Amino acid sequence: MDHKATAARNVLAQILADETAEPKALPLSLLEGITKNFSDELEIGRGGFAVVYKVYIQILITLDLKIHTDANTCW
């Protein structure tokens, strides 16, 4: 996947995390990657203006976990 697609994958992760996010243009290389080159096996619908694909996206989220040494509390 190229640099542009990697950046777009990060944007896609942000969109998925934020329900109020606006649609954004994604590079073809990202779309090819997540649809397995627009595989018929992943096609779940077709209409007058679009084909719908079921895609699986792995999103890695990094969290800082602070554990207090005097209690069983995490924040």
PDB file of N, CA and C in Angstrom:
ATOM      1  N   MET A   1       0.845  -1.167   0.000  1.00  0.00           N
ATOM      2  CA  MET A   1       0.000   0.000   0.000  1.00  0.00           C
ATOM      3  C   MET A   1       0.897   1.238   0.000  1.00  0.00           C
ATOM      4  N   ASP A   2       0.562   2.221  -0.813  1.00  0.00           N
ATOM      5  CA  ASP A   2       1.404   3.405  -0.909  1.00  0.00           C
ATOM      6  C   ASP A   2       1.163   4.372   0.253  1.00  0.00           C
ATOM      7  N   HIS A   3       2.014   5.399   0.322  1.00  0.00           N
ATOM      8  CA  HIS A   3       1.938   6.376   1.418  1.00  0.00           C
ATOM      9  C   HIS A   3       0.574   7.056   1.461  1.00  0.00           C
ATOM     10  N   LYS A   4       0.043   7.394   0.294  1.00  0.00           N
ATOM     11  CA  LYS A   4      -1.250   8.067   0.218  1.00  0.00           C
ATOM     12  C   LYS A   4      -2.352   7.178   0.794  1.00  0.00           C
ATOM     13  N   ALA A   5      -2.298   5.885   0.477  1.00  0.00           N
ATOM     14  CA  ALA A   5      -3.305   4.957   0.980  1.00  0.00           C
ATOM     15  C   ALA A   5      -3.165   4.749   2.481  1.00  0.00           C
ATOM     16  N   THR A   6      -1.930   4.739   2.975  1.00  0.00           N
ATOM     17  CA  THR A   6      -1.713   4.595   4.413  1.00  0.00           C
ATOM     18  C   THR A   6      -2.295   5.793   5.155  1.00  0.00           C
ATOM     19  N   ALA A   7      -2.070   6.978   4.631  1.00  0.00           N
ATOM     20  CA  ALA A   7      -2.644   8.184   5.231  1.00  0.00           C
ATOM     21  C   ALA A   7      -4.168   8.127   5.166  1.00  0.00           C
ATOM     22  N   ALA A   8      -4.695   7.645   4.055  1.00  0.00           N
ATOM     23  CA  ALA A   8      -6.142   7.543   3.902  1.00  0.00           C
ATOM     24  C   ALA A   8      -6.722   6.518   4.864  1.00  0.00           C
ATOM     25  N   ARG A   9      -5.978   5.454   5.136  1.00  0.00           N
ATOM     26  CA  ARG A   9      -6.443   4.450   6.098  1.00  0.00           C
ATOM     27  C   ARG A   9      -6.592   5.099   7.478  1.00  0.00           C
ATOM     28  N   ASN A  10      -5.674   6.000   7.820  1.00  0.00           N
ATOM     29  CA  ASN A  10      -5.777   6.724   9.089  1.00  0.00           C
ATOM     30  C   ASN A  10      -7.004   7.630   9.096  1.00  0.00           C
ATOM     31  N   VAL A  11      -7.259   8.296   7.973  1.00  0.00           N
ATOM     32  CA  VAL A  11      -8.455   9.134   7.849  1.00  0.00           C
ATOM     33  C   VAL A  11      -9.697   8.267   7.975  1.00  0.00           C
ATOM     34  N   LEU A  12      -9.687   7.102   7.351  1.00  0.00           N
ATOM     35  CA  LEU A  12     -10.817   6.184   7.426  1.00  0.00           C
ATOM     36  C   LEU A  12     -11.063   5.757   8.868  1.00  0.00           C
ATOM     37  N   ALA A  13     -10.017   5.480   9.607  1.00  0.00           N
ATOM     38  CA  ALA A  13     -10.154   5.113  11.022  1.00  0.00           C
ATOM     39  C   ALA A  13     -10.800   6.251  11.809  1.00  0.00           C
ATOM     40  N   GLN A  14     -10.413   7.485  11.511  1.00  0.00           N
ATOM     41  CA  GLN A  14     -11.003   8.642  12.188  1.00  0.00           C
ATOM     42  C   GLN A  14     -12.480   8.779  11.840  1.00  0.00           C
ATOM     43  N   ILE A  15     -12.819   8.552  10.581  1.00  0.00           N
ATOM     44  CA  ILE A  15     -14.215   8.633  10.150  1.00  0.00           C
ATOM     45  C   ILE A  15     -15.048   7.586  10.879  1.00  0.00           C
ATOM     46  N   LEU A  16     -14.524   6.374  10.984  1.00  0.00           N
ATOM     47  CA  LEU A  16     -15.252   5.304  11.657  1.00  0.00           C
ATOM     48  C   LEU A  16     -15.421   5.582  13.145  1.00  0.00           C
ATOM     49  N   ALA A  17     -14.469   6.272  13.740  1.00  0.00           N
ATOM     50  CA  ALA A  17     -14.539   6.578  15.165  1.00  0.00           C
ATOM     51  C   ALA A  17     -15.450   7.769  15.453  1.00  0.00           C
ATOM     52  N   ASP A  18     -15.679   8.628  14.466  1.00  0.00           N
ATOM     53  CA  ASP A  18     -16.459   9.853  14.657  1.00  0.00           C
ATOM     54  C   ASP A  18     -17.683   9.820  13.752  1.00  0.00           C
ATOM     55  N   GLU A  19     -18.849   9.584  14.350  1.00  0.00           N
ATOM     56  CA  GLU A  19     -20.079   9.468  13.566  1.00  0.00           C
ATOM     57  C   GLU A  19     -20.475  10.770  12.879  1.00  0.00           C
ATOM     58  N   THR A  20     -19.915  11.897  13.304  1.00  0.00           N
ATOM     59  CA  THR A  20     -20.263  13.181  12.695  1.00  0.00           C
ATOM     60  C   THR A  20     -19.284  13.581  11.591  1.00  0.00           C
ATOM     61  N   ALA A  21     -18.293  12.745  11.312  1.00  0.00           N
ATOM     62  CA  ALA A  21     -17.279  13.069  10.298  1.00  0.00           C
ATOM     63  C   ALA A  21     -17.911  13.138   8.909  1.00  0.00           C
ATOM     64  N   GLU A  22     -17.413  14.051   8.115  1.00  0.00           N
ATOM     65  CA  GLU A  22     -17.880  14.220   6.738  1.00  0.00           C
ATOM     66  C   GLU A  22     -17.211  13.191   5.827  1.00  0.00           C
ATOM     67  N   PRO A  23     -17.871  12.807   4.733  1.00  0.00           N
ATOM     68  CA  PRO A  23     -17.238  11.892   3.768  1.00  0.00           C
ATOM     69  C   PRO A  23     -15.966  12.512   3.195  1.00  0.00           C
ATOM     70  N   LYS A  24     -15.015  11.680   2.871  1.00  0.00           N
ATOM     71  CA  LYS A  24     -13.742  12.142   2.305  1.00  0.00           C
ATOM     72  C   LYS A  24     -13.381  11.256   1.115  1.00  0.00           C
ATOM     73  N   ALA A  25     -12.676  11.847   0.162  1.00  0.00           N
ATOM     74  CA  ALA A  25     -12.186  11.077  -0.986  1.00  0.00           C
ATOM     75  C   ALA A  25     -11.062  10.163  -0.513  1.00  0.00           C
ATOM     76  N   LEU A  26     -11.085   8.911  -0.953  1.00  0.00           N
ATOM     77  CA  LEU A  26     -10.052   7.935  -0.598  1.00  0.00           C
ATOM     78  C   LEU A  26      -9.340   7.488  -1.864  1.00  0.00           C
ATOM     79  N   PRO A  27      -8.042   7.231  -1.796  1.00  0.00           N
ATOM     80  CA  PRO A  27      -7.305   6.823  -2.998  1.00  0.00           C
ATOM     81  C   PRO A  27      -7.725   5.436  -3.482  1.00  0.00           C
ATOM     82  N   LEU A  28      -7.628   5.262  -4.777  1.00  0.00           N
ATOM     83  CA  LEU A  28      -7.990   3.996  -5.401  1.00  0.00           C
ATOM     84  C   LEU A  28      -7.222   2.828  -4.794  1.00  0.00           C
ATOM     85  N   SER A  29      -5.950   3.016  -4.471  1.00  0.00           N
ATOM     86  CA  SER A  29      -5.150   1.914  -3.923  1.00  0.00           C
ATOM     87  C   SER A  29      -5.712   1.423  -2.591  1.00  0.00           C
ATOM     88  N   LEU A  30      -6.255   2.320  -1.772  1.00  0.00           N
ATOM     89  CA  LEU A  30      -6.876   1.906  -0.513  1.00  0.00           C
ATOM     90  C   LEU A  30      -8.150   1.123  -0.791  1.00  0.00           C
ATOM     91  N   LEU A  31      -8.975   1.635  -1.696  1.00  0.00           N
ATOM     92  CA  LEU A  31     -10.224   0.951  -2.029  1.00  0.00           C
ATOM     93  C   LEU A  31      -9.961  -0.429  -2.619  1.00  0.00           C
ATOM     94  N   GLU A  32      -8.944  -0.533  -3.465  1.00  0.00           N
ATOM     95  CA  GLU A  32      -8.578  -1.841  -4.020  1.00  0.00           C
ATOM     96  C   GLU A  32      -8.126  -2.787  -2.916  1.00  0.00           C
ATOM     97  N   GLY A  33      -7.388  -2.260  -1.961  1.00  0.00           N
ATOM     98  CA  GLY A  33      -6.892  -3.090  -0.871  1.00  0.00           C
ATOM     99  C   GLY A  33      -7.996  -3.619   0.025  1.00  0.00           C
ATOM    100  N   ILE A  34      -8.927  -2.762   0.422  1.00  0.00           N
ATOM    101  CA  ILE A  34      -9.961  -3.204   1.358  1.00  0.00           C
ATOM    102  C   ILE A  34     -11.086  -3.986   0.686  1.00  0.00           C
ATOM    103  N   THR A  35     -11.197  -3.898  -0.647  1.00  0.00           N
ATOM    104  CA  THR A  35     -12.214  -4.684  -1.358  1.00  0.00           C
ATOM    105  C   THR A  35     -11.618  -5.893  -2.077  1.00  0.00           C
ATOM    106  N   LYS A  36     -10.350  -6.156  -1.816  1.00  0.00           N
ATOM    107  CA  LYS A  36      -9.620  -7.240  -2.499  1.00  0.00           C
ATOM    108  C   LYS A  36      -9.770  -7.105  -4.012  1.00  0.00           C
ATOM    109  N   ASN A  37      -9.418  -5.920  -4.492  1.00  0.00           N
ATOM    110  CA  ASN A  37      -9.490  -5.592  -5.922  1.00  0.00           C
ATOM    111  C   ASN A  37     -10.925  -5.656  -6.455  1.00  0.00           C
ATOM    112  N   PHE A  38     -11.856  -5.164  -5.654  1.00  0.00           N
ATOM    113  CA  PHE A  38     -13.274  -5.136  -6.017  1.00  0.00           C
ATOM    114  C   PHE A  38     -13.805  -6.543  -6.315  1.00  0.00           C
ATOM    115  N   SER A  39     -13.479  -7.461  -5.417  1.00  0.00           N
ATOM    116  CA  SER A  39     -13.842  -8.868  -5.559  1.00  0.00           C
ATOM    117  C   SER A  39     -15.360  -9.066  -5.564  1.00  0.00           C
ATOM    118  N   ASP A  40     -15.823  -9.894  -6.482  1.00  0.00           N
ATOM    119  CA  ASP A  40     -17.237 -10.252  -6.526  1.00  0.00           C
ATOM    120  C   ASP A  40     -17.673 -10.942  -5.239  1.00  0.00           C
ATOM    121  N   GLU A  41     -16.757 -11.655  -4.596  1.00  0.00           N
ATOM    122  CA  GLU A  41     -17.078 -12.364  -3.354  1.00  0.00           C
ATOM    123  C   GLU A  41     -17.464 -11.405  -2.229  1.00  0.00           C
ATOM    124  N   LEU A  42     -16.958 -10.177  -2.273  1.00  0.00           N
ATOM    125  CA  LEU A  42     -17.262  -9.198  -1.230  1.00  0.00           C
ATOM    126  C   LEU A  42     -18.433  -8.290  -1.594  1.00  0.00           C
ATOM    127  N   GLU A  43     -18.948  -8.435  -2.804  1.00  0.00           N
ATOM    128  CA  GLU A  43     -20.072  -7.603  -3.228  1.00  0.00           C
ATOM    129  C   GLU A  43     -21.334  -8.051  -2.496  1.00  0.00           C
ATOM    130  N   ILE A  44     -22.021  -7.086  -1.861  1.00  0.00           N
ATOM    131  CA  ILE A  44     -23.253  -7.424  -1.138  1.00  0.00           C
ATOM    132  C   ILE A  44     -24.474  -6.703  -1.705  1.00  0.00           C
ATOM    133  N   GLY A  45     -24.269  -5.825  -2.660  1.00  0.00           N
ATOM    134  CA  GLY A  45     -25.397  -5.127  -3.253  1.00  0.00           C
ATOM    135  C   GLY A  45     -24.975  -4.328  -4.470  1.00  0.00           C
ATOM    136  N   ARG A  46     -25.969  -3.999  -5.282  1.00  0.00           N
ATOM    137  CA  ARG A  46     -25.698  -3.241  -6.497  1.00  0.00           C
ATOM    138  C   ARG A  46     -26.944  -2.414  -6.794  1.00  0.00           C
ATOM    139  N   GLY A  47     -26.712  -1.153  -7.152  1.00  0.00           N
ATOM    140  CA  GLY A  47     -27.826  -0.273  -7.469  1.00  0.00           C
ATOM    141  C   GLY A  47     -27.541   0.497  -8.737  1.00  0.00           C
ATOM    142  N   GLY A  48     -28.347   1.503  -8.993  1.00  0.00           N
ATOM    143  CA  GLY A  48     -28.184   2.295 -10.195  1.00  0.00           C
ATOM    144  C   GLY A  48     -26.915   3.127 -10.222  1.00  0.00           C
ATOM    145  N   PHE A  49     -26.408   3.481  -9.063  1.00  0.00           N
ATOM    146  CA  PHE A  49     -25.253   4.375  -9.007  1.00  0.00           C
ATOM    147  C   PHE A  49     -24.049   3.810  -8.273  1.00  0.00           C
ATOM    148  N   ALA A  50     -24.176   2.636  -7.656  1.00  0.00           N
ATOM    149  CA  ALA A  50     -23.054   2.148  -6.848  1.00  0.00           C
ATOM    150  C   ALA A  50     -23.098   0.637  -6.667  1.00  0.00           C
ATOM    151  N   VAL A  51     -21.940   0.108  -6.368  1.00  0.00           N
ATOM    152  CA  VAL A  51     -21.801  -1.281  -5.939  1.00  0.00           C
ATOM    153  C   VAL A  51     -21.381  -1.219  -4.479  1.00  0.00           C
ATOM    154  N   VAL A  52     -21.973  -2.078  -3.641  1.00  0.00           N
ATOM    155  CA  VAL A  52     -21.689  -2.076  -2.210  1.00  0.00           C
ATOM    156  C   VAL A  52     -20.874  -3.313  -1.873  1.00  0.00           C
ATOM    157  N   TYR A  53     -19.769  -3.095  -1.150  1.00  0.00           N
ATOM    158  CA  TYR A  53     -18.876  -4.182  -0.751  1.00  0.00           C
ATOM    159  C   TYR A  53     -18.838  -4.289   0.762  1.00  0.00           C
ATOM    160  N   LYS A  54     -18.759  -5.513   1.239  1.00  0.00           N
ATOM    161  CA  LYS A  54     -18.521  -5.743   2.658  1.00  0.00           C
ATOM    162  C   LYS A  54     -17.014  -5.835   2.832  1.00  0.00           C
ATOM    163  N   VAL A  55     -16.474  -4.984   3.687  1.00  0.00           N
ATOM    164  CA  VAL A  55     -15.022  -4.972   3.888  1.00  0.00           C
ATOM    165  C   VAL A  55     -14.712  -5.130   5.371  1.00  0.00           C
ATOM    166  N   TYR A  56     -13.554  -5.671   5.626  1.00  0.00           N
ATOM    167  CA  TYR A  56     -13.069  -5.850   6.985  1.00  0.00           C
ATOM    168  C   TYR A  56     -11.831  -4.984   7.134  1.00  0.00           C
ATOM    169  N   ILE A  57     -11.865  -4.101   8.097  1.00  0.00           N
ATOM    170  CA  ILE A  57     -10.768  -3.170   8.292  1.00  0.00           C
ATOM    171  C   ILE A  57     -10.213  -3.362   9.693  1.00  0.00           C
ATOM    172  N   GLN A  58      -8.930  -3.616   9.752  1.00  0.00           N
ATOM    173  CA  GLN A  58      -8.267  -3.739  11.045  1.00  0.00           C
ATOM    174  C   GLN A  58      -7.755  -2.359  11.434  1.00  0.00           C
ATOM    175  N   ILE A  59      -8.208  -1.903  12.572  1.00  0.00           N
ATOM    176  CA  ILE A  59      -7.799  -0.593  13.056  1.00  0.00           C
ATOM    177  C   ILE A  59      -7.023  -0.792  14.347  1.00  0.00           C
ATOM    178  N   LEU A  60      -5.821  -0.298  14.355  1.00  0.00           N
ATOM    179  CA  LEU A  60      -4.992  -0.389  15.550  1.00  0.00           C
ATOM    180  C   LEU A  60      -5.076   0.926  16.302  1.00  0.00           C
ATOM    181  N   ILE A  61      -5.398   0.841  17.566  1.00  0.00           N
ATOM    182  CA  ILE A  61      -5.514   2.027  18.395  1.00  0.00           C
ATOM    183  C   ILE A  61      -4.487   1.919  19.510  1.00  0.00           C
ATOM    184  N   THR A  62      -3.716   2.950  19.685  1.00  0.00           N
ATOM    185  CA  THR A  62      -2.728   2.977  20.755  1.00  0.00           C
ATOM    186  C   THR A  62      -3.302   3.750  21.929  1.00  0.00           C
ATOM    187  N   LEU A  63      -3.248   3.149  23.087  1.00  0.00           N
ATOM    188  CA  LEU A  63      -3.736   3.790  24.299  1.00  0.00           C
ATOM    189  C   LEU A  63      -2.617   3.877  25.315  1.00  0.00           C
ATOM    190  N   ASP A  64      -2.628   4.939  26.087  1.00  0.00           N
ATOM    191  CA  ASP A  64      -1.739   5.036  27.235  1.00  0.00           C
ATOM    192  C   ASP A  64      -2.550   4.600  28.445  1.00  0.00           C
ATOM    193  N   LEU A  65      -2.080   3.605  29.144  1.00  0.00           N
ATOM    194  CA  LEU A  65      -2.782   3.081  30.306  1.00  0.00           C
ATOM    195  C   LEU A  65      -1.963   3.407  31.538  1.00  0.00           C
ATOM    196  N   LYS A  66      -2.573   4.139  32.439  1.00  0.00           N
ATOM    197  CA  LYS A  66      -1.886   4.528  33.666  1.00  0.00           C
ATOM    198  C   LYS A  66      -2.474   3.707  34.807  1.00  0.00           C
ATOM    199  N   ILE A  67      -1.643   2.950  35.476  1.00  0.00           N
ATOM    200  CA  ILE A  67      -2.090   2.111  36.584  1.00  0.00           C
ATOM    201  C   ILE A  67      -1.477   2.658  37.866  1.00  0.00           C
ATOM    202  N   HIS A  68      -2.346   3.037  38.760  1.00  0.00           N
ATOM    203  CA  HIS A  68      -1.877   3.581  40.036  1.00  0.00           C
ATOM    204  C   HIS A  68      -1.343   2.439  40.888  1.00  0.00           C
ATOM    205  N   THR A  69      -0.189   2.610  41.477  1.00  0.00           N
ATOM    206  CA  THR A  69       0.454   1.521  42.225  1.00  0.00           C
ATOM    207  C   THR A  69      -0.198   1.243  43.570  1.00  0.00           C
ATOM    208  N   ASP A  70      -1.002   2.177  44.095  1.00  0.00           N
ATOM    209  CA  ASP A  70      -1.623   1.989  45.404  1.00  0.00           C
ATOM    210  C   ASP A  70      -3.053   1.479  45.326  1.00  0.00           C
ATOM    211  N   ALA A  71      -3.564   1.294  44.140  1.00  0.00           N
ATOM    212  CA  ALA A  71      -4.959   0.869  44.015  1.00  0.00           C
ATOM    213  C   ALA A  71      -5.126   0.055  42.744  1.00  0.00           C
ATOM    214  N   ASN A  72      -6.269  -0.545  42.618  1.00  0.00           N
ATOM    215  CA  ASN A  72      -6.600  -1.308  41.416  1.00  0.00           C
ATOM    216  C   ASN A  72      -7.375  -0.420  40.449  1.00  0.00           C
ATOM    217  N   THR A  73      -6.881   0.762  40.219  1.00  0.00           N
ATOM    218  CA  THR A  73      -7.569   1.725  39.375  1.00  0.00           C
ATOM    219  C   THR A  73      -6.746   2.001  38.123  1.00  0.00           C
ATOM    220  N   CYS A  74      -7.410   2.003  37.003  1.00  0.00           N
ATOM    221  CA  CYS A  74      -6.765   2.339  35.733  1.00  0.00           C
ATOM    222  C   CYS A  74      -7.456   3.563  35.160  1.00  0.00           C
ATOM    223  N   TRP A  75      -6.668   4.457  34.585  1.00  0.00           N
ATOM    224  CA  TRP A  75      -7.245   5.594  33.863  1.00  0.00           C
ATOM    225  C   TRP A  75      -6.312   6.088  32.811  1.00  0.00           C
TER     226      TRP A  75
END
